[in-house]
PDB file of N, CA and C in Angstrom:
ATOM      1  N   MET A   1       0.863  -1.171  -0.039  1.00  0.00           N
ATOM      2  CA  MET A   1       0.056  -0.161  -0.097  1.00  0.00           C
ATOM      3  C   MET A   1       0.764   1.071  -0.263  1.00  0.00           C
ATOM      4  N   MET A   2       0.523   2.484  -0.619  1.00  0.00           N
ATOM      5  CA  MET A   2       0.765   3.451  -0.708  1.00  0.00           C
ATOM      6  C   MET A   2       1.120   4.330   0.366  1.00  0.00           C
ATOM      7  N   ARG A   3       2.047   4.895   0.989  1.00  0.00           N
ATOM      8  CA  ARG A   3       1.972   5.989   1.964  1.00  0.00           C
ATOM      9  C   ARG A   3       1.466   7.300   1.552  1.00  0.00           C
ATOM     10  N   ASN A   4       1.071   7.652   2.564  1.00  0.00           N
ATOM     11  CA  ASN A   4       0.373   9.084   2.071  1.00  0.00           C
ATOM     12  C   ASN A   4      -0.682   9.196   0.997  1.00  0.00           C
ATOM     13  N   ALA A   5      -1.216   8.094   0.736  1.00  0.00           N
ATOM     14  CA  ALA A   5      -2.168   7.837  -0.345  1.00  0.00           C
ATOM     15  C   ALA A   5      -3.354   8.789  -0.077  1.00  0.00           C
ATOM     16  N   PRO A   6      -3.916   9.210  -1.234  1.00  0.00           N
ATOM     17  CA  PRO A   6      -5.017  10.110  -0.767  1.00  0.00           C
ATOM     18  C   PRO A   6      -6.575   9.036  -0.066  1.00  0.00           C
ATOM     19  N   THR A   7      -7.072   9.810   0.567  1.00  0.00           N
ATOM     20  CA  THR A   7      -8.335   8.679   1.171  1.00  0.00           C
ATOM     21  C   THR A   7      -9.569   9.211   0.058  1.00  0.00           C
ATOM     22  N   ALA A   8     -10.489   8.199   0.040  1.00  0.00           N
ATOM     23  CA  ALA A   8     -11.682   8.292  -0.629  1.00  0.00           C
ATOM     24  C   ALA A   8     -12.525   9.149  -0.017  1.00  0.00           C
ATOM     25  N   ARG A   9     -12.794  10.255  -1.239  1.00  0.00           N
ATOM     26  CA  ARG A   9     -13.685  11.453  -0.919  1.00  0.00           C
ATOM     27  C   ARG A   9     -14.551  11.574  -2.029  1.00  0.00           C
ATOM     28  N   GLY A  10     -15.981  11.735  -1.697  1.00  0.00           N
ATOM     29  CA  GLY A  10     -16.942  11.959  -2.628  1.00  0.00           C
ATOM     30  C   GLY A  10     -17.003  10.919  -3.767  1.00  0.00           C
ATOM     31  N   LEU A  11     -16.899  11.347  -5.024  1.00  0.00           N
ATOM     32  CA  LEU A  11     -16.918   9.946  -6.073  1.00  0.00           C
ATOM     33  C   LEU A  11     -15.708   9.478  -6.220  1.00  0.00           C
ATOM     34  N   CYS A  12     -14.578   9.961  -5.764  1.00  0.00           N
ATOM     35  CA  CYS A  12     -13.560   9.345  -5.964  1.00  0.00           C
ATOM     36  C   CYS A  12     -12.878   8.626  -4.783  1.00  0.00           C
ATOM     37  N   ASP A  13     -12.447   7.585  -5.334  1.00  0.00           N
ATOM     38  CA  ASP A  13     -12.080   6.538  -4.396  1.00  0.00           C
ATOM     39  C   ASP A  13     -10.589   5.859  -5.248  1.00  0.00           C
ATOM     40  N   PRO A  14      -9.518   6.186  -4.463  1.00  0.00           N
ATOM     41  CA  PRO A  14      -8.173   5.997  -5.207  1.00  0.00           C
ATOM     42  C   PRO A  14      -8.271   4.506  -5.452  1.00  0.00           C
ATOM     43  N   GLN A  15      -8.674   3.528  -4.727  1.00  0.00           N
ATOM     44  CA  GLN A  15      -8.477   2.286  -5.122  1.00  0.00           C
ATOM     45  C   GLN A  15      -9.090   1.720  -6.613  1.00  0.00           C
ATOM     46  N   PHE A  16      -9.759   2.715  -6.962  1.00  0.00           N
ATOM     47  CA  PHE A  16      -9.989   2.342  -8.504  1.00  0.00           C
ATOM     48  C   PHE A  16      -9.662   3.135  -9.243  1.00  0.00           C
ATOM     49  N   GLU A  17      -8.613   4.253  -9.040  1.00  0.00           N
ATOM     50  CA  GLU A  17      -7.892   4.908  -9.707  1.00  0.00           C
ATOM     51  C   GLU A  17      -6.725   4.424 -10.461  1.00  0.00           C
ATOM     52  N   HIS A  18      -6.561   4.283 -11.724  1.00  0.00           N
ATOM     53  CA  HIS A  18      -5.476   3.722 -12.619  1.00  0.00           C
ATOM     54  C   HIS A  18      -4.997   4.771 -13.873  1.00  0.00           C
ATOM     55  N   ASP A  19      -3.598   4.454 -13.909  1.00  0.00           N
ATOM     56  CA  ASP A  19      -3.309   5.446 -14.982  1.00  0.00           C
ATOM     57  C   ASP A  19      -4.042   5.345 -16.350  1.00  0.00           C
ATOM     58  N   ALA A  20      -4.226   6.310 -17.077  1.00  0.00           N
ATOM     59  CA  ALA A  20      -5.198   6.256 -18.017  1.00  0.00           C
ATOM     60  C   ALA A  20      -4.506   7.037 -19.176  1.00  0.00           C
ATOM     61  N   CYS A  21      -5.142   6.818 -20.564  1.00  0.00           N
ATOM     62  CA  CYS A  21      -4.645   7.486 -21.678  1.00  0.00           C
ATOM     63  C   CYS A  21      -4.961   9.099 -21.713  1.00  0.00           C
ATOM     64  N   GLY A  22      -5.694   9.709 -21.147  1.00  0.00           N
ATOM     65  CA  GLY A  22      -6.101  10.986 -20.903  1.00  0.00           C
ATOM     66  C   GLY A  22      -7.706  11.193 -21.425  1.00  0.00           C
ATOM     67  N   ILE A  23      -8.201  12.062 -21.116  1.00  0.00           N
ATOM     68  CA  ILE A  23      -9.432  12.428 -21.480  1.00  0.00           C
ATOM     69  C   ILE A  23      -9.296  13.918 -21.832  1.00  0.00           C
ATOM     70  N   GLY A  24     -10.133  14.737 -22.661  1.00  0.00           N
ATOM     71  CA  GLY A  24     -10.450  15.927 -22.597  1.00  0.00           C
ATOM     72  C   GLY A  24     -11.988  16.282 -22.983  1.00  0.00           C
ATOM     73  N   ALA A  25     -12.474  17.432 -22.324  1.00  0.00           N
ATOM     74  CA  ALA A  25     -13.984  17.667 -22.342  1.00  0.00           C
ATOM     75  C   ALA A  25     -13.906  19.212 -22.754  1.00  0.00           C
ATOM     76  N   VAL A  26     -14.926  19.655 -23.716  1.00  0.00           N
ATOM     77  CA  VAL A  26     -15.170  20.956 -24.191  1.00  0.00           C
ATOM     78  C   VAL A  26     -16.596  20.922 -24.094  1.00  0.00           C
ATOM     79  N   VAL A  27     -17.031  22.150 -23.441  1.00  0.00           N
ATOM     80  CA  VAL A  27     -18.681  22.171 -23.274  1.00  0.00           C
ATOM     81  C   VAL A  27     -18.843  23.520 -23.112  1.00  0.00           C
ATOM     82  N   ASP A  28     -19.924  23.712 -23.519  1.00  0.00           N
ATOM     83  CA  ASP A  28     -20.478  25.190 -23.262  1.00  0.00           C
ATOM     84  C   ASP A  28     -21.676  25.091 -22.293  1.00  0.00           C
ATOM     85  N   ILE A  29     -21.293  25.674 -21.046  1.00  0.00           N
ATOM     86  CA  ILE A  29     -22.188  25.326 -20.036  1.00  0.00           C
ATOM     87  C   ILE A  29     -23.369  26.375 -20.131  1.00  0.00           C
ATOM     88  N   SER A  30     -23.490  27.241 -21.179  1.00  0.00           N
ATOM     89  CA  SER A  30     -25.054  27.757 -21.483  1.00  0.00           C
ATOM     90  C   SER A  30     -25.926  26.838 -22.359  1.00  0.00           C
ATOM     91  N   GLY A  31     -24.992  25.909 -22.847  1.00  0.00           N
ATOM     92  CA  GLY A  31     -25.875  24.907 -24.078  1.00  0.00           C
ATOM     93  C   GLY A  31     -26.184  25.523 -25.382  1.00  0.00           C
ATOM     94  N   THR A  32     -25.188  26.498 -25.508  1.00  0.00           N
ATOM     95  CA  THR A  32     -25.278  26.978 -26.913  1.00  0.00           C
ATOM     96  C   THR A  32     -24.544  25.966 -27.985  1.00  0.00           C
ATOM     97  N   LYS A  33     -25.084  25.363 -28.908  1.00  0.00           N
ATOM     98  CA  LYS A  33     -24.511  24.495 -29.834  1.00  0.00           C
ATOM     99  C   LYS A  33     -23.626  25.429 -30.983  1.00  0.00           C
ATOM    100  N   SER A  34     -22.495  24.864 -31.115  1.00  0.00           N
ATOM    101  CA  SER A  34     -21.493  25.388 -31.978  1.00  0.00           C
ATOM    102  C   SER A  34     -20.791  24.865 -32.688  1.00  0.00           C
ATOM    103  N   HIS A  35     -20.242  24.812 -33.769  1.00  0.00           N
ATOM    104  CA  HIS A  35     -19.320  23.880 -34.495  1.00  0.00           C
ATOM    105  C   HIS A  35     -17.847  24.150 -33.978  1.00  0.00           C
ATOM    106  N   LYS A  36     -17.676  25.408 -33.314  1.00  0.00           N
ATOM    107  CA  LYS A  36     -16.408  25.716 -32.637  1.00  0.00           C
ATOM    108  C   LYS A  36     -16.083  24.479 -31.562  1.00  0.00           C
ATOM    109  N   ILE A  37     -17.036  24.135 -30.907  1.00  0.00           N
ATOM    110  CA  ILE A  37     -16.976  23.218 -29.894  1.00  0.00           C
ATOM    111  C   ILE A  37     -16.245  21.839 -30.507  1.00  0.00           C
ATOM    112  N   VAL A  38     -16.894  21.373 -31.574  1.00  0.00           N
ATOM    113  CA  VAL A  38     -16.442  20.306 -32.220  1.00  0.00           C
ATOM    114  C   VAL A  38     -14.724  20.412 -32.458  1.00  0.00           C
ATOM    115  N   ASP A  39     -14.836  21.447 -33.387  1.00  0.00           N
ATOM    116  CA  ASP A  39     -13.549  21.955 -33.532  1.00  0.00           C
ATOM    117  C   ASP A  39     -12.147  21.956 -32.366  1.00  0.00           C
ATOM    118  N   HIS A  40     -12.798  22.278 -31.401  1.00  0.00           N
ATOM    119  CA  HIS A  40     -11.907  22.328 -30.054  1.00  0.00           C
ATOM    120  C   HIS A  40     -11.649  20.678 -29.655  1.00  0.00           C
ATOM    121  N   ALA A  41     -12.630  19.917 -29.746  1.00  0.00           N
ATOM    122  CA  ALA A  41     -12.629  18.441 -29.251  1.00  0.00           C
ATOM    123  C   ALA A  41     -11.744  17.949 -30.300  1.00  0.00           C
ATOM    124  N   LYS A  42     -11.823  18.116 -31.672  1.00  0.00           N
ATOM    125  CA  LYS A  42     -10.801  17.380 -32.555  1.00  0.00           C
ATOM    126  C   LYS A  42      -9.319  17.825 -32.117  1.00  0.00           C
ATOM    127  N   GLN A  43      -9.268  19.204 -31.732  1.00  0.00           N
ATOM    128  CA  GLN A  43      -7.844  19.391 -31.252  1.00  0.00           C
ATOM    129  C   GLN A  43      -7.367  18.821 -30.194  1.00  0.00           C
ATOM    130  N   ILE A  44      -8.491  18.377 -29.338  1.00  0.00           N
ATOM    131  CA  ILE A  44      -7.812  17.550 -27.972  1.00  0.00           C
ATOM    132  C   ILE A  44      -7.512  16.441 -28.334  1.00  0.00           C
ATOM    133  N   LEU A  45      -8.216  15.449 -29.530  1.00  0.00           N
ATOM    134  CA  LEU A  45      -7.753  14.310 -30.100  1.00  0.00           C
ATOM    135  C   LEU A  45      -6.303  14.422 -30.628  1.00  0.00           C
ATOM    136  N   LEU A  46      -6.041  15.512 -31.330  1.00  0.00           N
ATOM    137  CA  LEU A  46      -4.816  15.418 -32.090  1.00  0.00           C
ATOM    138  C   LEU A  46      -3.839  15.656 -30.688  1.00  0.00           C
ATOM    139  N   ASN A  47      -4.066  16.616 -29.594  1.00  0.00           N
ATOM    140  CA  ASN A  47      -3.096  16.626 -28.585  1.00  0.00           C
ATOM    141  C   ASN A  47      -3.083  15.448 -27.595  1.00  0.00           C
ATOM    142  N   LEU A  48      -4.176  14.521 -27.568  1.00  0.00           N
ATOM    143  CA  LEU A  48      -3.827  13.350 -26.988  1.00  0.00           C
ATOM    144  C   LEU A  48      -3.386  12.166 -27.918  1.00  0.00           C
ATOM    145  N   GLN A  49      -3.015  12.488 -29.177  1.00  0.00           N
ATOM    146  CA  GLN A  49      -2.471  11.148 -30.178  1.00  0.00           C
ATOM    147  C   GLN A  49      -1.268  10.577 -29.608  1.00  0.00           C
ATOM    148  N   HIS A  50      -0.355  11.263 -28.821  1.00  0.00           N
ATOM    149  CA  HIS A  50       0.874  10.905 -28.261  1.00  0.00           C
ATOM    150  C   HIS A  50       0.621   9.644 -26.985  1.00  0.00           C
ATOM    151  N   ARG A  51      -0.836   9.847 -26.654  1.00  0.00           N
ATOM    152  CA  ARG A  51      -1.396   8.892 -25.639  1.00  0.00           C
ATOM    153  C   ARG A  51      -2.132   7.939 -26.485  1.00  0.00           C
ATOM    154  N   GLY A  52      -2.254   7.318 -27.661  1.00  0.00           N
ATOM    155  CA  GLY A  52      -2.705   6.520 -28.274  1.00  0.00           C
ATOM    156  C   GLY A  52      -4.438   6.896 -28.863  1.00  0.00           C
ATOM    157  N   ALA A  53      -4.641   8.243 -28.660  1.00  0.00           N
ATOM    158  CA  ALA A  53      -6.100   8.766 -29.431  1.00  0.00           C
ATOM    159  C   ALA A  53      -5.885   8.519 -30.804  1.00  0.00           C
ATOM    160  N   SER A  54      -5.877   7.555 -31.225  1.00  0.00           N
ATOM    161  CA  SER A  54      -6.186   7.347 -32.741  1.00  0.00           C
ATOM    162  C   SER A  54      -7.133   6.634 -33.121  1.00  0.00           C
ATOM    163  N   GLY A  55      -7.970   5.616 -32.196  1.00  0.00           N
ATOM    164  CA  GLY A  55      -9.000   4.877 -32.543  1.00  0.00           C
ATOM    165  C   GLY A  55      -8.759   3.797 -33.805  1.00  0.00           C
ATOM    166  N   ALA A  56      -7.289   3.357 -33.502  1.00  0.00           N
ATOM    167  CA  ALA A  56      -6.679   2.721 -34.418  1.00  0.00           C
ATOM    168  C   ALA A  56      -6.533   1.164 -34.107  1.00  0.00           C
ATOM    169  N   ASP A  57      -6.914   0.568 -32.816  1.00  0.00           N
ATOM    170  CA  ASP A  57      -6.391  -0.465 -32.535  1.00  0.00           C
ATOM    171  C   ASP A  57      -7.380  -1.464 -32.870  1.00  0.00           C
ATOM    172  N   GLU A  58      -6.883  -2.382 -33.800  1.00  0.00           N
ATOM    173  CA  GLU A  58      -7.732  -3.150 -34.348  1.00  0.00           C
ATOM    174  C   GLU A  58      -8.143  -4.550 -33.656  1.00  0.00           C
ATOM    175  N   SER A  59      -7.263  -4.859 -32.632  1.00  0.00           N
ATOM    176  CA  SER A  59      -7.276  -5.869 -31.709  1.00  0.00           C
ATOM    177  C   SER A  59      -8.266  -5.682 -30.374  1.00  0.00           C
ATOM    178  N   THR A  60      -8.514  -4.624 -29.935  1.00  0.00           N
ATOM    179  CA  THR A  60      -9.353  -4.434 -28.824  1.00  0.00           C
ATOM    180  C   THR A  60     -10.293  -3.553 -29.042  1.00  0.00           C
ATOM    181  N   GLY A  61     -10.261  -2.469 -30.016  1.00  0.00           N
ATOM    182  CA  GLY A  61     -11.494  -1.314 -30.415  1.00  0.00           C
ATOM    183  C   GLY A  61     -11.078  -0.326 -29.534  1.00  0.00           C
ATOM    184  N   ASP A  62     -10.090  -0.342 -28.627  1.00  0.00           N
ATOM    185  CA  ASP A  62      -9.575   0.774 -27.800  1.00  0.00           C
ATOM    186  C   ASP A  62      -9.401   1.998 -29.009  1.00  0.00           C
ATOM    187  N   GLY A  63      -9.653   3.229 -28.450  1.00  0.00           N
ATOM    188  CA  GLY A  63      -9.521   4.149 -29.177  1.00  0.00           C
ATOM    189  C   GLY A  63     -10.061   5.734 -28.727  1.00  0.00           C
ATOM    190  N   ALA A  64     -10.419   6.537 -29.840  1.00  0.00           N
ATOM    191  CA  ALA A  64     -10.914   7.740 -29.497  1.00  0.00           C
ATOM    192  C   ALA A  64     -12.001   8.390 -30.193  1.00  0.00           C
ATOM    193  N   GLY A  65     -12.714   9.145 -29.651  1.00  0.00           N
ATOM    194  CA  GLY A  65     -13.816   9.631 -30.463  1.00  0.00           C
ATOM    195  C   GLY A  65     -14.455  10.924 -29.665  1.00  0.00           C
ATOM    196  N   ILE A  66     -15.480  11.578 -30.429  1.00  0.00           N
ATOM    197  CA  ILE A  66     -16.222  12.731 -30.048  1.00  0.00           C
ATOM    198  C   ILE A  66     -17.784  12.043 -29.552  1.00  0.00           C
ATOM    199  N   LEU A  67     -18.082  12.641 -28.636  1.00  0.00           N
ATOM    200  CA  LEU A  67     -19.584  12.541 -27.743  1.00  0.00           C
ATOM    201  C   LEU A  67     -20.108  13.803 -27.933  1.00  0.00           C
ATOM    202  N   MET A  68     -21.491  13.835 -28.692  1.00  0.00           N
ATOM    203  CA  MET A  68     -21.957  15.168 -29.144  1.00  0.00           C
ATOM    204  C   MET A  68     -23.351  14.945 -29.254  1.00  0.00           C
ATOM    205  N   GLN A  69     -24.191  16.115 -28.978  1.00  0.00           N
ATOM    206  CA  GLN A  69     -25.658  15.999 -29.054  1.00  0.00           C
ATOM    207  C   GLN A  69     -26.083  15.516 -30.754  1.00  0.00           C
ATOM    208  N   ILE A  70     -27.118  14.981 -30.456  1.00  0.00           N
ATOM    209  CA  ILE A  70     -27.589  14.438 -31.981  1.00  0.00           C
ATOM    210  C   ILE A  70     -28.117  15.752 -32.565  1.00  0.00           C
ATOM    211  N   PRO A  71     -27.623  16.000 -33.938  1.00  0.00           N
ATOM    212  CA  PRO A  71     -28.377  16.971 -34.520  1.00  0.00           C
ATOM    213  C   PRO A  71     -29.558  16.727 -35.208  1.00  0.00           C
ATOM    214  N   HIS A  72     -30.610  16.969 -34.394  1.00  0.00           N
ATOM    215  CA  HIS A  72     -31.910  16.596 -34.576  1.00  0.00           C
ATOM    216  C   HIS A  72     -32.353  17.469 -36.072  1.00  0.00           C
ATOM    217  N   GLU A  73     -32.159  18.780 -36.175  1.00  0.00           N
ATOM    218  CA  GLU A  73     -32.846  19.474 -37.341  1.00  0.00           C
ATOM    219  C   GLU A  73     -32.230  18.512 -38.473  1.00  0.00           C
ATOM    220  N   PHE A  74     -31.006  18.192 -38.469  1.00  0.00           N
ATOM    221  CA  PHE A  74     -30.240  17.556 -39.875  1.00  0.00           C
ATOM    222  C   PHE A  74     -30.892  16.416 -40.100  1.00  0.00           C
ATOM    223  N   PHE A  75     -31.222  15.361 -39.007  1.00  0.00           N
ATOM    224  CA  PHE A  75     -31.715  14.286 -38.848  1.00  0.00           C
ATOM    225  C   PHE A  75     -33.159  14.315 -39.553  1.00  0.00           C
ATOM    226  N   ALA A  76     -33.936  15.352 -38.905  1.00  0.00           N
ATOM    227  CA  ALA A  76     -35.085  15.262 -39.328  1.00  0.00           C
ATOM    228  C   ALA A  76     -35.365  15.895 -40.814  1.00  0.00           C
ATOM    229  N   ALA A  77     -34.371  16.526 -41.257  1.00  0.00           N
ATOM    230  CA  ALA A  77     -34.364  16.898 -42.860  1.00  0.00           C
ATOM    231  C   ALA A  77     -34.166  15.909 -43.614  1.00  0.00           C
ATOM    232  N   GLU A  78     -33.186  14.869 -43.272  1.00  0.00           N
ATOM    233  CA  GLU A  78     -32.768  13.956 -43.891  1.00  0.00           C
ATOM    234  C   GLU A  78     -33.746  12.732 -43.775  1.00  0.00           C
ATOM    235  N   ALA A  79     -34.447  12.719 -42.697  1.00  0.00           N
ATOM    236  CA  ALA A  79     -35.803  11.619 -42.523  1.00  0.00           C
ATOM    237  C   ALA A  79     -37.100  12.081 -43.556  1.00  0.00           C
ATOM    238  N   ASP A  80     -37.199  13.543 -43.693  1.00  0.00           N
ATOM    239  CA  ASP A  80     -38.111  13.914 -44.670  1.00  0.00           C
ATOM    240  C   ASP A  80     -37.628  13.644 -46.345  1.00  0.00           C
ATOM    241  N   ARG A  81     -36.594  13.859 -46.294  1.00  0.00           N
ATOM    242  CA  ARG A  81     -35.811  13.481 -47.709  1.00  0.00           C
ATOM    243  C   ARG A  81     -35.860  11.736 -48.103  1.00  0.00           C
ATOM    244  N   LEU A  82     -36.051  11.099 -46.979  1.00  0.00           N
ATOM    245  CA  LEU A  82     -36.183   9.605 -47.279  1.00  0.00           C
ATOM    246  C   LEU A  82     -37.410   9.275 -47.152  1.00  0.00           C
ATOM    247  N   ASN A  83     -38.525  10.095 -46.758  1.00  0.00           N
ATOM    248  CA  ASN A  83     -39.874   9.814 -46.811  1.00  0.00           C
ATOM    249  C   ASN A  83     -40.238   9.083 -45.458  1.00  0.00           C
ATOM    250  N   PHE A  84     -39.492   9.587 -44.093  1.00  0.00           N
ATOM    251  CA  PHE A  84     -39.909   8.884 -43.053  1.00  0.00           C
ATOM    252  C   PHE A  84     -39.989  10.024 -42.029  1.00  0.00           C
ATOM    253  N   GLN A  85     -40.603   9.754 -40.800  1.00  0.00           N
ATOM    254  CA  GLN A  85     -40.694  10.908 -39.854  1.00  0.00           C
ATOM    255  C   GLN A  85     -39.835  10.372 -38.461  1.00  0.00           C
ATOM    256  N   LEU A  86     -39.331  11.255 -37.974  1.00  0.00           N
ATOM    257  CA  LEU A  86     -38.675  10.934 -36.752  1.00  0.00           C
ATOM    258  C   LEU A  86     -39.306  11.413 -35.249  1.00  0.00           C
ATOM    259  N   PRO A  87     -39.379  10.737 -34.444  1.00  0.00           N
ATOM    260  CA  PRO A  87     -40.128  11.044 -33.091  1.00  0.00           C
ATOM    261  C   PRO A  87     -39.292  12.639 -32.836  1.00  0.00           C
ATOM    262  N   PRO A  88     -39.752  13.329 -31.903  1.00  0.00           N
ATOM    263  CA  PRO A  88     -39.563  14.442 -31.620  1.00  0.00           C
ATOM    264  C   PRO A  88     -38.146  14.565 -30.896  1.00  0.00           C
ATOM    265  N   ALA A  89     -37.347  15.602 -31.064  1.00  0.00           N
ATOM    266  CA  ALA A  89     -36.066  15.778 -30.403  1.00  0.00           C
ATOM    267  C   ALA A  89     -36.230  15.336 -28.888  1.00  0.00           C
ATOM    268  N   GLY A  90     -35.123  14.619 -28.637  1.00  0.00           N
ATOM    269  CA  GLY A  90     -35.057  14.112 -27.377  1.00  0.00           C
ATOM    270  C   GLY A  90     -35.577  12.694 -27.146  1.00  0.00           C
ATOM    271  N   HIS A  91     -36.368  12.023 -28.093  1.00  0.00           N
ATOM    272  CA  HIS A  91     -37.076  10.772 -27.997  1.00  0.00           C
ATOM    273  C   HIS A  91     -36.725   9.967 -28.777  1.00  0.00           C
ATOM    274  N   TYR A  92     -35.280   9.960 -29.294  1.00  0.00           N
ATOM    275  CA  TYR A  92     -34.866   8.596 -29.981  1.00  0.00           C
ATOM    276  C   TYR A  92     -33.302   8.857 -29.781  1.00  0.00           C
ATOM    277  N   GLY A  93     -32.832   7.775 -29.947  1.00  0.00           N
ATOM    278  CA  GLY A  93     -30.793   7.716 -29.922  1.00  0.00           C
ATOM    279  C   GLY A  93     -30.716   7.643 -31.395  1.00  0.00           C
ATOM    280  N   ALA A  94     -29.260   7.539 -31.727  1.00  0.00           N
ATOM    281  CA  ALA A  94     -28.550   7.261 -32.975  1.00  0.00           C
ATOM    282  C   ALA A  94     -27.067   6.692 -32.397  1.00  0.00           C
ATOM    283  N   GLY A  95     -26.738   5.844 -33.274  1.00  0.00           N
ATOM    284  CA  GLY A  95     -25.422   4.871 -32.857  1.00  0.00           C
ATOM    285  C   GLY A  95     -24.906   4.387 -34.120  1.00  0.00           C
ATOM    286  N   ILE A  96     -23.654   4.007 -34.322  1.00  0.00           N
ATOM    287  CA  ILE A  96     -23.075   3.587 -35.158  1.00  0.00           C
ATOM    288  C   ILE A  96     -22.458   2.116 -34.958  1.00  0.00           C
ATOM    289  N   LEU A  97     -22.593   1.258 -35.869  1.00  0.00           N
ATOM    290  CA  LEU A  97     -22.461  -0.038 -35.502  1.00  0.00           C
ATOM    291  C   LEU A  97     -21.336  -0.450 -36.448  1.00  0.00           C
ATOM    292  N   PHE A  98     -20.363  -0.898 -35.986  1.00  0.00           N
ATOM    293  CA  PHE A  98     -19.129  -1.892 -36.665  1.00  0.00           C
ATOM    294  C   PHE A  98     -19.474  -3.071 -36.920  1.00  0.00           C
ATOM    295  N   LEU A  99     -19.595  -3.619 -38.352  1.00  0.00           N
ATOM    296  CA  LEU A  99     -19.776  -4.940 -38.634  1.00  0.00           C
ATOM    297  C   LEU A  99     -18.793  -5.578 -39.280  1.00  0.00           C
ATOM    298  N   PRO A 100     -18.673  -7.071 -38.931  1.00  0.00           N
ATOM    299  CA  PRO A 100     -17.730  -7.896 -39.579  1.00  0.00           C
ATOM    300  C   PRO A 100     -17.618  -7.569 -41.067  1.00  0.00           C
ATOM    301  N   HIS A 101     -16.262  -7.791 -41.693  1.00  0.00           N
ATOM    302  CA  HIS A 101     -16.470  -7.759 -43.321  1.00  0.00           C
ATOM    303  C   HIS A 101     -16.690  -8.777 -43.889  1.00  0.00           C
ATOM    304  N   ASP A 102     -16.632  -9.993 -42.998  1.00  0.00           N
ATOM    305  CA  ASP A 102     -17.394 -11.258 -43.693  1.00  0.00           C
ATOM    306  C   ASP A 102     -18.665 -11.294 -44.040  1.00  0.00           C
ATOM    307  N   ALA A 103     -19.199 -11.313 -45.198  1.00  0.00           N
ATOM    308  CA  ALA A 103     -20.530 -11.162 -45.620  1.00  0.00           C
ATOM    309  C   ALA A 103     -21.524 -12.099 -44.909  1.00  0.00           C
ATOM    310  N   ALA A 104     -21.280 -13.403 -44.410  1.00  0.00           N
ATOM    311  CA  ALA A 104     -22.101 -14.289 -43.715  1.00  0.00           C
ATOM    312  C   ALA A 104     -22.435 -13.611 -42.320  1.00  0.00           C
ATOM    313  N   ILE A 105     -21.144 -13.568 -41.734  1.00  0.00           N
ATOM    314  CA  ILE A 105     -21.371 -13.261 -40.431  1.00  0.00           C
ATOM    315  C   ILE A 105     -21.825 -11.631 -39.916  1.00  0.00           C
ATOM    316  N   ARG A 106     -21.703 -10.883 -40.915  1.00  0.00           N
ATOM    317  CA  ARG A 106     -22.280  -9.540 -41.121  1.00  0.00           C
ATOM    318  C   ARG A 106     -23.783  -9.788 -41.280  1.00  0.00           C
ATOM    319  N   GLY A 107     -24.149 -10.649 -42.077  1.00  0.00           N
ATOM    320  CA  GLY A 107     -25.604 -10.802 -42.396  1.00  0.00           C
ATOM    321  C   GLY A 107     -26.382 -11.503 -40.827  1.00  0.00           C
ATOM    322  N   THR A 108     -25.590 -12.209 -40.504  1.00  0.00           N
ATOM    323  CA  THR A 108     -26.186 -12.754 -39.129  1.00  0.00           C
ATOM    324  C   THR A 108     -26.617 -11.819 -38.067  1.00  0.00           C
ATOM    325  N   CYS A 109     -25.319 -11.108 -38.121  1.00  0.00           N
ATOM    326  CA  CYS A 109     -25.344  -9.844 -37.120  1.00  0.00           C
ATOM    327  C   CYS A 109     -26.541  -8.760 -37.304  1.00  0.00           C
ATOM    328  N   GLU A 110     -26.583  -8.681 -38.698  1.00  0.00           N
ATOM    329  CA  GLU A 110     -27.849  -7.699 -38.878  1.00  0.00           C
ATOM    330  C   GLU A 110     -29.166  -8.326 -38.668  1.00  0.00           C
ATOM    331  N   GLU A 111     -29.315  -9.550 -39.020  1.00  0.00           N
ATOM    332  CA  GLU A 111     -30.423 -10.685 -38.273  1.00  0.00           C
ATOM    333  C   GLU A 111     -30.803 -10.216 -36.632  1.00  0.00           C
ATOM    334  N   VAL A 112     -29.719 -10.605 -36.185  1.00  0.00           N
ATOM    335  CA  VAL A 112     -29.904 -10.349 -34.577  1.00  0.00           C
ATOM    336  C   VAL A 112     -30.252  -8.926 -34.064  1.00  0.00           C
ATOM    337  N   LEU A 113     -29.512  -7.923 -34.939  1.00  0.00           N
ATOM    338  CA  LEU A 113     -30.045  -6.472 -34.652  1.00  0.00           C
ATOM    339  C   LEU A 113     -31.336  -6.266 -35.132  1.00  0.00           C
ATOM    340  N   ALA A 114     -31.989  -6.688 -36.139  1.00  0.00           N
ATOM    341  CA  ALA A 114     -33.301  -6.619 -36.799  1.00  0.00           C
ATOM    342  C   ALA A 114     -34.296  -7.090 -35.509  1.00  0.00           C
ATOM    343  N   GLN A 115     -33.942  -8.173 -35.041  1.00  0.00           N
ATOM    344  CA  GLN A 115     -34.633  -8.839 -34.194  1.00  0.00           C
ATOM    345  C   GLN A 115     -34.860  -8.021 -32.658  1.00  0.00           C
ATOM    346  N   SER A 116     -33.914  -7.250 -32.406  1.00  0.00           N
ATOM    347  CA  SER A 116     -33.860  -6.661 -31.251  1.00  0.00           C
ATOM    348  C   SER A 116     -34.972  -5.587 -30.744  1.00  0.00           C
TER     349      SER A 116
END
């Protein structure tokens, strides 16, 4: 055990702390949406590249990315163009799915997803 180790306080308990590759956060506390926030987030990824923030580890899926709000107006316009309607903003989610390259395995994954 480490001497002079910090004690558990609030949400932080040192027994669960480990060396990490790094994290960056960019927010507008007033909730104002801006592309400038995304630009800052991309700069953080570049600044953390020396710590593995490349999203390129094919073995583990480890990597880096940006979490941001759903651009409802854009999605709604695209849904209109494709002739379907989205639920109201805040009542749906979006995600990205990475599927296997093998067509048979990918097809099985797509079937399982469609049944969910």
